[in-house]
Amino acid sequence: MRDRSALIIEDDSDLALIFAQALQAAGFDTGIVRHGDHALARLAVATPDIVVLDLHLPHVSGAEILREIRAEERLAHTRVIVATADPRMADMLQDQPDLVLLKPISFSQLRDLAARLASTAPTGR
C-alpha cells in the first residue's frame, strides 16, 4: 500500500504549517505550495490524495487551480478541500470541491475531515 499524500496550497505560511501538522496527524505525507503557479507545476507531476486549497493565491487563483484539477483525468480521484474566509467565493464554486471549509479552521477539524475523506476515496488509481 502506498503512502497517502496531501498537497497544501496556501499562501499564509502559519496556516499552511497548521494544515500540514493536522494532515500529518491523520497519516498523510504533506507538501506545501504558496503560489498558484507553483501549485500548477507541482500538480503536473504529482497525484496527491487530498489537496487543501486556498482560493486567494498569488499568480493563479485557487478557483483556476480547482478547474485544472477537475479537468485532469489523472487527478480524478484527488479529493479537494477548499479553505476560504470568503463564503461568496465558496458558493460560486458549486459542487467542484469535495468539501468547503470556512476559515478559521481548527487543527482537529481538518485532521478528522481529511481522515474521513481519505477513507471514502475511490481505489484503483
N, C-alpha and C. Protein backbone atom coordinates (compact mmCIF):
# COMPACT_ATOMS: atom_id res chain seq x y z
N MET A 1 0.84 -1.18 0.00
CA MET A 1 0.00 0.00 0.00
C MET A 1 0.89 1.25 0.00
N ARG A 2 0.57 2.21 -0.86
CA ARG A 2 1.38 3.41 -0.92
C ARG A 2 0.95 4.40 0.15
N ASP A 3 1.86 5.29 0.50
CA ASP A 3 1.55 6.32 1.49
C ASP A 3 0.53 7.28 0.93
N ARG A 4 -0.31 7.81 1.81
CA ARG A 4 -1.26 8.83 1.41
C ARG A 4 -0.55 10.18 1.39
N SER A 5 -0.87 10.99 0.39
CA SER A 5 -0.21 12.28 0.28
C SER A 5 -1.23 13.40 0.21
N ALA A 6 -0.81 14.55 0.72
CA ALA A 6 -1.65 15.75 0.68
C ALA A 6 -0.81 16.92 0.22
N LEU A 7 -1.39 17.75 -0.62
CA LEU A 7 -0.75 18.97 -1.07
C LEU A 7 -1.54 20.14 -0.51
N ILE A 8 -0.85 21.00 0.20
CA ILE A 8 -1.46 22.18 0.80
C ILE A 8 -1.08 23.38 -0.06
N ILE A 9 -2.08 24.05 -0.59
CA ILE A 9 -1.87 25.22 -1.44
C ILE A 9 -2.44 26.41 -0.68
N GLU A 10 -1.56 27.11 0.02
CA GLU A 10 -1.96 28.17 0.95
C GLU A 10 -0.84 29.18 1.05
N ASP A 11 -1.16 30.47 0.85
CA ASP A 11 -0.10 31.49 0.88
C ASP A 11 0.22 32.00 2.28
N ASP A 12 -0.60 31.70 3.27
CA ASP A 12 -0.31 32.09 4.65
C ASP A 12 0.57 30.99 5.27
N SER A 13 1.83 31.32 5.52
CA SER A 13 2.81 30.32 5.99
C SER A 13 2.39 29.66 7.30
N ASP A 14 1.89 30.45 8.24
CA ASP A 14 1.49 29.89 9.53
C ASP A 14 0.32 28.93 9.37
N LEU A 15 -0.66 29.33 8.59
CA LEU A 15 -1.82 28.47 8.36
C LEU A 15 -1.43 27.21 7.60
N ALA A 16 -0.55 27.34 6.63
CA ALA A 16 -0.08 26.17 5.87
C ALA A 16 0.59 25.16 6.80
N LEU A 17 1.37 25.65 7.75
CA LEU A 17 2.04 24.77 8.70
C LEU A 17 1.03 24.05 9.60
N ILE A 18 0.01 24.76 10.06
CA ILE A 18 -1.04 24.13 10.87
C ILE A 18 -1.76 23.06 10.06
N PHE A 19 -2.09 23.38 8.80
CA PHE A 19 -2.74 22.39 7.94
C PHE A 19 -1.85 21.17 7.76
N ALA A 20 -0.56 21.38 7.55
CA ALA A 20 0.37 20.27 7.37
C ALA A 20 0.42 19.39 8.61
N GLN A 21 0.47 20.00 9.78
CA GLN A 21 0.51 19.22 11.02
C GLN A 21 -0.77 18.42 11.21
N ALA A 22 -1.92 19.01 10.87
CA ALA A 22 -3.19 18.30 11.00
C ALA A 22 -3.26 17.11 10.06
N LEU A 23 -2.80 17.31 8.84
CA LEU A 23 -2.83 16.22 7.86
C LEU A 23 -1.82 15.13 8.20
N GLN A 24 -0.67 15.51 8.73
CA GLN A 24 0.31 14.52 9.18
C GLN A 24 -0.27 13.70 10.33
N ALA A 25 -1.03 14.34 11.22
CA ALA A 25 -1.67 13.62 12.32
C ALA A 25 -2.71 12.63 11.81
N ALA A 26 -3.27 12.90 10.61
CA ALA A 26 -4.24 11.99 10.00
C ALA A 26 -3.55 10.93 9.13
N GLY A 27 -2.21 10.93 9.10
CA GLY A 27 -1.47 9.90 8.39
C GLY A 27 -1.02 10.25 6.98
N PHE A 28 -1.00 11.52 6.64
CA PHE A 28 -0.59 11.95 5.30
C PHE A 28 0.83 12.46 5.27
N ASP A 29 1.53 12.17 4.17
CA ASP A 29 2.76 12.89 3.84
C ASP A 29 2.30 14.19 3.21
N THR A 30 2.93 15.30 3.58
CA THR A 30 2.43 16.60 3.12
C THR A 30 3.49 17.39 2.36
N GLY A 31 3.00 18.21 1.46
CA GLY A 31 3.81 19.20 0.76
C GLY A 31 3.07 20.52 0.81
N ILE A 32 3.81 21.61 0.82
CA ILE A 32 3.21 22.94 0.88
C ILE A 32 3.67 23.75 -0.32
N VAL A 33 2.72 24.42 -0.96
CA VAL A 33 3.00 25.33 -2.06
C VAL A 33 2.26 26.63 -1.74
N ARG A 34 2.94 27.77 -1.93
CA ARG A 34 2.35 29.05 -1.52
C ARG A 34 1.90 29.94 -2.68
N HIS A 35 2.18 29.56 -3.91
CA HIS A 35 1.81 30.37 -5.07
C HIS A 35 1.03 29.50 -6.05
N GLY A 36 0.06 30.11 -6.70
CA GLY A 36 -0.78 29.37 -7.63
C GLY A 36 -0.02 28.75 -8.78
N ASP A 37 0.94 29.48 -9.35
CA ASP A 37 1.69 28.92 -10.48
C ASP A 37 2.56 27.75 -10.04
N HIS A 38 3.10 27.82 -8.83
CA HIS A 38 3.89 26.70 -8.31
C HIS A 38 2.99 25.48 -8.06
N ALA A 39 1.75 25.75 -7.64
CA ALA A 39 0.80 24.65 -7.41
C ALA A 39 0.51 23.91 -8.70
N LEU A 40 0.28 24.65 -9.78
CA LEU A 40 0.02 24.00 -11.07
C LEU A 40 1.21 23.18 -11.52
N ALA A 41 2.42 23.70 -11.31
CA ALA A 41 3.62 22.95 -11.67
C ALA A 41 3.73 21.66 -10.86
N ARG A 42 3.44 21.73 -9.58
CA ARG A 42 3.51 20.53 -8.72
C ARG A 42 2.45 19.52 -9.14
N LEU A 43 1.24 20.00 -9.42
CA LEU A 43 0.15 19.10 -9.80
C LEU A 43 0.37 18.46 -11.17
N ALA A 44 1.24 19.03 -11.97
CA ALA A 44 1.56 18.44 -13.28
C ALA A 44 2.37 17.16 -13.13
N VAL A 45 3.03 16.98 -11.98
CA VAL A 45 3.88 15.80 -11.78
C VAL A 45 3.49 14.96 -10.58
N ALA A 46 2.59 15.46 -9.74
CA ALA A 46 2.19 14.75 -8.52
C ALA A 46 0.71 14.39 -8.59
N THR A 47 0.35 13.33 -7.88
CA THR A 47 -1.04 12.91 -7.79
C THR A 47 -1.40 12.76 -6.31
N PRO A 48 -1.67 13.87 -5.64
CA PRO A 48 -1.98 13.78 -4.21
C PRO A 48 -3.36 13.16 -3.97
N ASP A 49 -3.52 12.55 -2.82
CA ASP A 49 -4.83 12.03 -2.44
C ASP A 49 -5.78 13.16 -2.06
N ILE A 50 -5.22 14.16 -1.39
CA ILE A 50 -6.01 15.31 -0.95
C ILE A 50 -5.26 16.59 -1.28
N VAL A 51 -6.01 17.60 -1.70
CA VAL A 51 -5.48 18.95 -1.86
C VAL A 51 -6.28 19.86 -0.95
N VAL A 52 -5.58 20.62 -0.11
CA VAL A 52 -6.21 21.69 0.66
C VAL A 52 -5.88 22.97 -0.07
N LEU A 53 -6.91 23.68 -0.51
CA LEU A 53 -6.74 24.77 -1.46
C LEU A 53 -7.34 26.07 -0.96
N ASP A 54 -6.50 27.08 -0.84
CA ASP A 54 -6.96 28.45 -0.57
C ASP A 54 -7.43 29.04 -1.90
N LEU A 55 -8.41 29.91 -1.87
CA LEU A 55 -8.90 30.50 -3.12
C LEU A 55 -8.13 31.74 -3.54
N HIS A 56 -7.64 32.49 -2.57
CA HIS A 56 -6.94 33.74 -2.87
C HIS A 56 -5.44 33.50 -2.79
N LEU A 57 -4.83 33.29 -3.95
CA LEU A 57 -3.40 32.97 -4.05
C LEU A 57 -2.71 33.93 -4.99
N PRO A 58 -1.40 34.12 -4.82
CA PRO A 58 -0.64 34.91 -5.79
C PRO A 58 -0.52 34.18 -7.13
N HIS A 59 -0.58 34.93 -8.20
CA HIS A 59 -0.28 34.48 -9.57
C HIS A 59 -1.41 33.71 -10.25
N VAL A 60 -1.95 32.69 -9.64
CA VAL A 60 -3.06 31.92 -10.21
C VAL A 60 -4.07 31.68 -9.08
N SER A 61 -5.33 31.92 -9.34
CA SER A 61 -6.34 31.80 -8.28
C SER A 61 -6.61 30.33 -7.92
N GLY A 62 -7.09 30.15 -6.71
CA GLY A 62 -7.49 28.81 -6.28
C GLY A 62 -8.61 28.24 -7.13
N ALA A 63 -9.52 29.11 -7.58
CA ALA A 63 -10.62 28.65 -8.44
C ALA A 63 -10.08 28.09 -9.75
N GLU A 64 -9.06 28.73 -10.31
CA GLU A 64 -8.45 28.23 -11.55
C GLU A 64 -7.74 26.90 -11.30
N ILE A 65 -7.05 26.80 -10.18
CA ILE A 65 -6.38 25.54 -9.84
C ILE A 65 -7.41 24.42 -9.69
N LEU A 66 -8.53 24.71 -9.05
CA LEU A 66 -9.59 23.72 -8.89
C LEU A 66 -10.12 23.27 -10.25
N ARG A 67 -10.34 24.20 -11.17
CA ARG A 67 -10.79 23.83 -12.52
C ARG A 67 -9.77 22.92 -13.21
N GLU A 68 -8.49 23.24 -13.04
CA GLU A 68 -7.43 22.41 -13.64
C GLU A 68 -7.42 21.00 -13.05
N ILE A 69 -7.59 20.91 -11.74
CA ILE A 69 -7.63 19.59 -11.09
C ILE A 69 -8.79 18.77 -11.64
N ARG A 70 -9.95 19.37 -11.72
CA ARG A 70 -11.15 18.65 -12.18
C ARG A 70 -11.08 18.29 -13.66
N ALA A 71 -10.31 19.03 -14.43
CA ALA A 71 -10.18 18.74 -15.87
C ALA A 71 -9.15 17.66 -16.17
N GLU A 72 -8.29 17.35 -15.20
CA GLU A 72 -7.19 16.41 -15.41
C GLU A 72 -7.61 15.00 -14.99
N GLU A 73 -7.70 14.09 -15.93
CA GLU A 73 -8.13 12.71 -15.65
C GLU A 73 -7.24 12.04 -14.59
N ARG A 74 -5.96 12.30 -14.64
CA ARG A 74 -5.02 11.70 -13.69
C ARG A 74 -5.35 12.09 -12.24
N LEU A 75 -6.02 13.23 -12.05
CA LEU A 75 -6.36 13.72 -10.72
C LEU A 75 -7.83 13.46 -10.37
N ALA A 76 -8.47 12.57 -11.10
CA ALA A 76 -9.91 12.34 -10.92
C ALA A 76 -10.26 11.88 -9.50
N HIS A 77 -9.36 11.17 -8.84
CA HIS A 77 -9.65 10.67 -7.50
C HIS A 77 -9.09 11.55 -6.40
N THR A 78 -8.48 12.66 -6.76
CA THR A 78 -7.95 13.59 -5.76
C THR A 78 -9.10 14.32 -5.10
N ARG A 79 -9.14 14.27 -3.78
CA ARG A 79 -10.16 14.98 -3.01
C ARG A 79 -9.67 16.40 -2.79
N VAL A 80 -10.56 17.37 -2.97
CA VAL A 80 -10.19 18.78 -2.82
C VAL A 80 -11.00 19.39 -1.68
N ILE A 81 -10.27 19.93 -0.71
CA ILE A 81 -10.87 20.68 0.39
C ILE A 81 -10.52 22.14 0.15
N VAL A 82 -11.53 22.96 -0.11
CA VAL A 82 -11.30 24.39 -0.26
C VAL A 82 -11.38 25.02 1.12
N ALA A 83 -10.35 25.79 1.45
CA ALA A 83 -10.29 26.51 2.72
C ALA A 83 -10.31 28.00 2.41
N THR A 84 -11.37 28.67 2.81
CA THR A 84 -11.50 30.08 2.46
C THR A 84 -12.22 30.86 3.56
N ALA A 85 -11.95 32.14 3.61
CA ALA A 85 -12.67 33.03 4.51
C ALA A 85 -13.76 33.77 3.74
N ASP A 86 -13.94 33.45 2.48
CA ASP A 86 -14.85 34.16 1.59
C ASP A 86 -16.04 33.27 1.21
N PRO A 87 -17.15 33.36 1.96
CA PRO A 87 -18.28 32.47 1.68
C PRO A 87 -18.90 32.69 0.29
N ARG A 88 -18.82 33.91 -0.24
CA ARG A 88 -19.38 34.17 -1.57
C ARG A 88 -18.59 33.41 -2.64
N MET A 89 -17.27 33.42 -2.52
CA MET A 89 -16.44 32.66 -3.48
C MET A 89 -16.73 31.17 -3.36
N ALA A 90 -16.87 30.69 -2.14
CA ALA A 90 -17.16 29.27 -1.93
C ALA A 90 -18.47 28.89 -2.59
N ASP A 91 -19.48 29.74 -2.48
CA ASP A 91 -20.78 29.45 -3.11
C ASP A 91 -20.66 29.40 -4.63
N MET A 92 -19.81 30.22 -5.21
CA MET A 92 -19.66 30.27 -6.66
C MET A 92 -19.03 28.99 -7.22
N LEU A 93 -18.34 28.24 -6.40
CA LEU A 93 -17.68 27.02 -6.86
C LEU A 93 -18.65 25.86 -7.08
N GLN A 94 -19.87 26.01 -6.59
CA GLN A 94 -20.91 24.99 -6.70
C GLN A 94 -20.41 23.67 -6.14
N ASP A 95 -20.41 22.63 -6.95
CA ASP A 95 -20.05 21.30 -6.44
C ASP A 95 -18.66 20.84 -6.87
N GLN A 96 -17.80 21.77 -7.27
CA GLN A 96 -16.46 21.37 -7.72
C GLN A 96 -15.59 20.79 -6.60
N PRO A 97 -15.53 21.43 -5.43
CA PRO A 97 -14.71 20.83 -4.36
C PRO A 97 -15.46 19.69 -3.67
N ASP A 98 -14.72 18.81 -3.04
CA ASP A 98 -15.35 17.76 -2.24
C ASP A 98 -15.88 18.31 -0.93
N LEU A 99 -15.24 19.38 -0.48
CA LEU A 99 -15.61 19.98 0.80
C LEU A 99 -15.15 21.42 0.82
N VAL A 100 -15.96 22.30 1.42
CA VAL A 100 -15.57 23.69 1.61
C VAL A 100 -15.56 23.95 3.11
N LEU A 101 -14.44 24.46 3.60
CA LEU A 101 -14.31 24.85 5.00
C LEU A 101 -14.09 26.35 5.06
N LEU A 102 -14.88 27.00 5.91
CA LEU A 102 -14.70 28.43 6.10
C LEU A 102 -13.69 28.68 7.21
N LYS A 103 -12.70 29.52 6.90
CA LYS A 103 -11.69 29.87 7.89
C LYS A 103 -12.33 30.74 8.96
N PRO A 104 -11.89 30.64 10.21
CA PRO A 104 -10.77 29.84 10.69
C PRO A 104 -11.14 28.36 10.82
N ILE A 105 -10.16 27.51 10.55
CA ILE A 105 -10.33 26.06 10.60
C ILE A 105 -9.45 25.52 11.71
N SER A 106 -10.01 24.69 12.55
CA SER A 106 -9.22 24.15 13.66
C SER A 106 -8.38 22.96 13.20
N PHE A 107 -7.33 22.72 13.93
CA PHE A 107 -6.44 21.58 13.70
C PHE A 107 -7.24 20.29 13.67
N SER A 108 -8.05 20.07 14.71
CA SER A 108 -8.79 18.80 14.82
C SER A 108 -9.86 18.67 13.74
N GLN A 109 -10.47 19.78 13.35
CA GLN A 109 -11.48 19.74 12.29
C GLN A 109 -10.86 19.25 10.98
N LEU A 110 -9.73 19.82 10.60
CA LEU A 110 -9.10 19.42 9.35
C LEU A 110 -8.57 17.99 9.43
N ARG A 111 -7.94 17.64 10.54
CA ARG A 111 -7.41 16.27 10.71
C ARG A 111 -8.52 15.24 10.55
N ASP A 112 -9.64 15.45 11.23
CA ASP A 112 -10.73 14.48 11.20
C ASP A 112 -11.40 14.41 9.83
N LEU A 113 -11.60 15.56 9.20
CA LEU A 113 -12.24 15.57 7.87
C LEU A 113 -11.33 14.95 6.81
N ALA A 114 -10.04 15.21 6.89
CA ALA A 114 -9.10 14.62 5.93
C ALA A 114 -9.08 13.10 6.07
N ALA A 115 -9.07 12.62 7.29
CA ALA A 115 -9.08 11.17 7.51
C ALA A 115 -10.37 10.56 6.97
N ARG A 116 -11.48 11.23 7.17
CA ARG A 116 -12.76 10.72 6.68
C ARG A 116 -12.80 10.72 5.15
N LEU A 117 -12.35 11.79 4.52
CA LEU A 117 -12.32 11.84 3.05
C LEU A 117 -11.42 10.76 2.48
N ALA A 118 -10.27 10.56 3.09
CA ALA A 118 -9.33 9.55 2.60
C ALA A 118 -9.91 8.15 2.72
N SER A 119 -10.67 7.91 3.77
CA SER A 119 -11.23 6.57 3.96
C SER A 119 -12.36 6.27 2.99
N THR A 120 -12.96 7.31 2.40
CA THR A 120 -14.04 7.09 1.44
C THR A 120 -13.59 7.31 0.00
N ALA A 121 -12.29 7.55 -0.18
CA ALA A 121 -11.76 7.80 -1.53
C ALA A 121 -11.86 6.55 -2.38
N PRO A 122 -12.20 6.72 -3.66
CA PRO A 122 -12.22 5.57 -4.56
C PRO A 122 -10.83 4.95 -4.67
N THR A 123 -10.78 3.66 -4.90
CA THR A 123 -9.49 2.98 -5.05
C THR A 123 -9.23 2.71 -6.52
N GLY A 124 -8.05 2.18 -6.80
CA GLY A 124 -7.74 1.77 -8.15
C GLY A 124 -7.04 2.80 -8.98
N ARG A 125 -6.30 3.69 -8.34
CA ARG A 125 -5.55 4.69 -9.09
C ARG A 125 -4.39 4.08 -9.80
